[in-house]
N, C-alpha and C. Protein backbone atom coordinates (compact mmCIF):
# COMPACT_ATOMS: atom_id res chain seq x y z
N MET A 1 47.08 85.13 61.50
CA MET A 1 47.78 84.62 60.33
C MET A 1 48.86 85.60 59.88
N SER A 2 48.62 86.91 59.94
CA SER A 2 49.62 87.86 59.49
C SER A 2 50.89 87.78 60.33
N VAL A 3 50.77 87.37 61.60
CA VAL A 3 51.96 87.22 62.44
C VAL A 3 52.84 86.11 61.90
N MET A 4 52.23 85.00 61.48
CA MET A 4 53.02 83.90 60.91
C MET A 4 53.73 84.35 59.64
N ILE A 5 53.07 85.15 58.82
CA ILE A 5 53.69 85.63 57.59
C ILE A 5 54.89 86.51 57.95
N ALA A 6 54.69 87.41 58.90
CA ALA A 6 55.78 88.30 59.30
C ALA A 6 56.94 87.50 59.89
N GLU A 7 56.62 86.49 60.71
CA GLU A 7 57.67 85.69 61.33
C GLU A 7 58.42 84.85 60.31
N ASN A 8 57.81 84.60 59.17
CA ASN A 8 58.46 83.79 58.15
C ASN A 8 58.74 84.58 56.88
N SER A 9 58.79 85.90 57.01
CA SER A 9 59.16 86.72 55.87
C SER A 9 60.64 86.51 55.58
N ALA A 10 61.06 86.92 54.40
CA ALA A 10 62.48 86.79 54.06
C ALA A 10 63.36 87.50 55.08
N SER A 11 62.94 88.69 55.50
CA SER A 11 63.73 89.44 56.49
C SER A 11 63.84 88.68 57.81
N ALA A 12 62.75 88.13 58.28
CA ALA A 12 62.77 87.39 59.54
C ALA A 12 63.64 86.14 59.44
N ILE A 13 63.55 85.46 58.32
CA ILE A 13 64.36 84.25 58.12
C ILE A 13 65.83 84.61 58.07
N TRP A 14 66.18 85.67 57.32
CA TRP A 14 67.57 86.11 57.26
C TRP A 14 68.07 86.50 58.66
N GLN A 15 67.25 87.22 59.40
CA GLN A 15 67.68 87.64 60.74
C GLN A 15 67.95 86.43 61.64
N ARG A 16 67.08 85.45 61.60
CA ARG A 16 67.31 84.25 62.41
C ARG A 16 68.55 83.48 61.95
N THR A 17 68.79 83.48 60.66
CA THR A 17 69.94 82.76 60.10
C THR A 17 71.26 83.45 60.41
N ILE A 18 71.31 84.75 60.20
CA ILE A 18 72.55 85.50 60.38
C ILE A 18 72.83 85.80 61.84
N GLN A 19 71.79 85.96 62.65
CA GLN A 19 71.93 86.30 64.07
C GLN A 19 72.85 87.52 64.23
N PRO A 20 72.39 88.70 63.77
CA PRO A 20 73.27 89.86 63.73
C PRO A 20 73.83 90.31 65.07
N LYS A 21 73.22 89.94 66.17
CA LYS A 21 73.75 90.37 67.47
C LYS A 21 74.68 89.34 68.11
N LYS A 22 75.01 88.31 67.37
CA LYS A 22 75.95 87.31 67.86
C LYS A 22 77.33 87.63 67.28
N SER A 23 78.28 87.91 68.14
CA SER A 23 79.60 88.38 67.69
C SER A 23 80.56 87.21 67.50
N ASN A 24 80.37 86.47 66.41
CA ASN A 24 81.21 85.29 66.20
C ASN A 24 81.96 85.32 64.88
N LEU A 25 82.16 86.50 64.31
CA LEU A 25 82.92 86.59 63.07
C LEU A 25 84.37 86.98 63.37
N ALA A 26 85.29 86.40 62.63
CA ALA A 26 86.69 86.80 62.72
C ALA A 26 86.80 88.24 62.22
N PRO A 27 87.71 89.03 62.79
CA PRO A 27 87.82 90.43 62.38
C PRO A 27 88.01 90.64 60.88
N ALA A 28 88.82 89.81 60.24
CA ALA A 28 89.04 89.97 58.80
C ALA A 28 87.75 89.75 58.01
N ILE A 29 86.96 88.79 58.42
CA ILE A 29 85.69 88.52 57.75
C ILE A 29 84.73 89.67 58.00
N ALA A 30 84.68 90.15 59.23
CA ALA A 30 83.80 91.27 59.57
C ALA A 30 84.14 92.49 58.71
N ARG A 31 85.42 92.80 58.59
CA ARG A 31 85.83 93.95 57.79
C ARG A 31 85.47 93.75 56.31
N ALA A 32 85.63 92.54 55.81
CA ALA A 32 85.26 92.26 54.42
C ALA A 32 83.76 92.46 54.20
N LEU A 33 82.96 92.00 55.13
CA LEU A 33 81.51 92.17 55.01
C LEU A 33 81.12 93.65 55.01
N LEU A 34 81.82 94.45 55.81
CA LEU A 34 81.51 95.88 55.86
C LEU A 34 81.82 96.58 54.54
N GLY A 35 82.65 95.96 53.71
CA GLY A 35 82.98 96.53 52.42
C GLY A 35 81.99 96.19 51.31
N LEU A 36 81.05 95.30 51.58
CA LEU A 36 80.07 94.92 50.55
C LEU A 36 79.10 96.06 50.30
N ARG A 37 78.84 96.34 49.02
CA ARG A 37 77.93 97.42 48.66
C ARG A 37 77.25 97.08 47.33
N PHE A 38 76.08 97.67 47.13
CA PHE A 38 75.44 97.60 45.83
C PHE A 38 76.31 98.36 44.82
N SER A 39 76.33 97.90 43.59
CA SER A 39 77.03 98.63 42.54
C SER A 39 76.25 99.91 42.21
N ARG A 40 76.91 100.85 41.58
CA ARG A 40 76.24 102.09 41.18
C ARG A 40 75.07 101.77 40.27
N ALA A 41 75.24 100.83 39.33
CA ALA A 41 74.17 100.46 38.42
C ALA A 41 72.96 99.90 39.18
N ASP A 42 73.22 99.07 40.19
CA ASP A 42 72.12 98.52 40.99
C ASP A 42 71.42 99.60 41.80
N LEU A 43 72.18 100.53 42.38
CA LEU A 43 71.57 101.64 43.13
C LEU A 43 70.70 102.48 42.21
N ASP A 44 71.21 102.78 41.02
CA ASP A 44 70.43 103.56 40.06
C ASP A 44 69.16 102.84 39.66
N ARG A 45 69.26 101.53 39.41
CA ARG A 45 68.08 100.76 39.02
C ARG A 45 67.06 100.72 40.16
N ALA A 46 67.51 100.49 41.38
CA ALA A 46 66.60 100.47 42.52
C ALA A 46 65.92 101.82 42.69
N ASP A 47 66.65 102.91 42.50
CA ASP A 47 66.07 104.26 42.58
C ASP A 47 65.01 104.46 41.49
N GLU A 48 65.32 103.98 40.29
CA GLU A 48 64.37 104.09 39.18
C GLU A 48 63.09 103.32 39.49
N LEU A 49 63.24 102.11 40.01
CA LEU A 49 62.07 101.30 40.35
C LEU A 49 61.28 101.92 41.49
N ALA A 50 61.96 102.49 42.49
CA ALA A 50 61.28 103.13 43.61
C ALA A 50 60.48 104.34 43.12
N ALA A 51 61.04 105.10 42.19
CA ALA A 51 60.31 106.25 41.63
C ALA A 51 59.06 105.79 40.89
N LYS A 52 59.20 104.71 40.12
CA LYS A 52 58.03 104.17 39.42
C LYS A 52 56.99 103.65 40.40
N ALA A 53 57.45 103.07 41.52
CA ALA A 53 56.51 102.57 42.54
C ALA A 53 55.74 103.74 43.15
N ARG A 54 56.44 104.83 43.45
CA ARG A 54 55.77 106.00 44.01
C ARG A 54 54.74 106.58 43.04
N ALA A 55 55.05 106.47 41.76
CA ALA A 55 54.14 106.97 40.73
C ALA A 55 53.02 105.99 40.41
N GLY A 56 53.13 104.77 40.96
CA GLY A 56 52.11 103.76 40.72
C GLY A 56 52.18 103.14 39.33
N SER A 57 53.37 103.13 38.74
CA SER A 57 53.48 102.64 37.36
C SER A 57 54.38 101.42 37.21
N LEU A 58 54.61 100.68 38.29
CA LEU A 58 55.44 99.46 38.20
C LEU A 58 54.67 98.34 37.51
N THR A 59 55.38 97.60 36.67
CA THR A 59 54.80 96.36 36.15
C THR A 59 54.96 95.29 37.22
N LEU A 60 54.32 94.17 37.03
CA LEU A 60 54.45 93.06 37.97
C LEU A 60 55.91 92.60 38.07
N ALA A 61 56.58 92.50 36.92
CA ALA A 61 58.00 92.08 36.91
C ALA A 61 58.87 93.10 37.64
N GLU A 62 58.59 94.38 37.44
CA GLU A 62 59.37 95.42 38.13
C GLU A 62 59.12 95.41 39.63
N ASP A 63 57.89 95.12 40.01
CA ASP A 63 57.57 95.03 41.44
C ASP A 63 58.37 93.90 42.08
N ARG A 64 58.45 92.77 41.42
CA ARG A 64 59.26 91.66 41.93
C ARG A 64 60.74 92.03 41.99
N GLU A 65 61.21 92.73 40.96
CA GLU A 65 62.60 93.16 40.92
C GLU A 65 62.91 94.10 42.09
N LEU A 66 62.01 95.06 42.34
CA LEU A 66 62.20 95.98 43.46
C LEU A 66 62.20 95.23 44.78
N GLU A 67 61.32 94.26 44.91
CA GLU A 67 61.29 93.45 46.14
C GLU A 67 62.59 92.68 46.31
N ASP A 68 63.18 92.21 45.22
CA ASP A 68 64.47 91.52 45.29
C ASP A 68 65.56 92.47 45.78
N TYR A 69 65.55 93.71 45.28
CA TYR A 69 66.52 94.69 45.77
C TYR A 69 66.34 94.93 47.27
N ARG A 70 65.10 95.03 47.71
CA ARG A 70 64.83 95.23 49.14
C ARG A 70 65.32 94.04 49.96
N ALA A 71 65.06 92.83 49.49
CA ALA A 71 65.47 91.63 50.22
C ALA A 71 67.00 91.54 50.32
N VAL A 72 67.68 91.82 49.23
CA VAL A 72 69.15 91.78 49.24
C VAL A 72 69.68 92.87 50.16
N GLY A 73 69.10 94.06 50.09
CA GLY A 73 69.52 95.15 50.96
C GLY A 73 69.33 94.83 52.43
N THR A 74 68.22 94.20 52.76
CA THR A 74 67.96 93.81 54.15
C THR A 74 68.98 92.78 54.61
N ALA A 75 69.23 91.77 53.80
CA ALA A 75 70.22 90.74 54.16
C ALA A 75 71.60 91.37 54.33
N LEU A 76 71.94 92.29 53.43
CA LEU A 76 73.23 92.96 53.52
C LEU A 76 73.35 93.76 54.82
N GLU A 77 72.28 94.42 55.22
CA GLU A 77 72.31 95.18 56.47
C GLU A 77 72.43 94.26 57.69
N PHE A 78 71.78 93.10 57.65
CA PHE A 78 71.93 92.13 58.74
C PHE A 78 73.39 91.67 58.84
N LEU A 79 74.00 91.38 57.69
CA LEU A 79 75.41 90.95 57.68
C LEU A 79 76.32 92.05 58.21
N LYS A 80 76.08 93.28 57.79
CA LYS A 80 76.90 94.39 58.26
C LYS A 80 76.70 94.65 59.75
N SER A 81 75.48 94.48 60.23
CA SER A 81 75.22 94.63 61.65
C SER A 81 76.02 93.61 62.45
N LYS A 82 75.99 92.37 61.97
CA LYS A 82 76.75 91.32 62.64
C LYS A 82 78.24 91.64 62.59
N ALA A 83 78.71 92.14 61.47
CA ALA A 83 80.13 92.49 61.33
C ALA A 83 80.52 93.58 62.32
N ARG A 84 79.71 94.64 62.40
CA ARG A 84 80.01 95.73 63.34
C ARG A 84 79.99 95.22 64.78
N PHE A 85 79.01 94.40 65.11
CA PHE A 85 78.89 93.83 66.44
C PHE A 85 80.10 92.97 66.75
N SER A 86 80.55 92.18 65.78
CA SER A 86 81.69 91.29 65.98
C SER A 86 82.99 92.07 66.21
N LEU A 87 83.11 93.22 65.56
CA LEU A 87 84.32 94.02 65.74
C LEU A 87 84.33 94.76 67.08
N LYS A 88 83.16 94.99 67.66
CA LYS A 88 83.08 95.72 68.93
C LYS A 88 83.16 94.82 70.15
N ARG A 89 82.79 93.56 70.00
CA ARG A 89 82.71 92.66 71.16
C ARG A 89 83.54 91.41 70.96
N PRO A 90 84.00 90.83 72.06
CA PRO A 90 84.70 89.54 71.93
C PRO A 90 83.75 88.44 71.46
N ALA A 91 84.27 87.45 70.78
CA ALA A 91 83.44 86.34 70.25
C ALA A 91 82.74 85.62 71.38
N ARG A 92 81.52 85.20 71.09
CA ARG A 92 80.72 84.42 72.05
C ARG A 92 80.31 83.11 71.45
């Protein structure tokens, strides 16, 4: 059962959707995606939540918020991976 959960986690779904190793983005789009970043305020908040998690003092709402930051970060990395791959290889 845990394999099904892993295969259908948000990260796995994003990876299947984005297909980061498929080089089918136009160069301008790929470069734009590489410019996407968390804001300083979001990075600071995620760091604050991670520190609270390490200390074991997250509330349930904060735990969900931290998981949202992780999910967005993972999706962003998949998009950037696809962008880098698209800039290195001809479209397929």
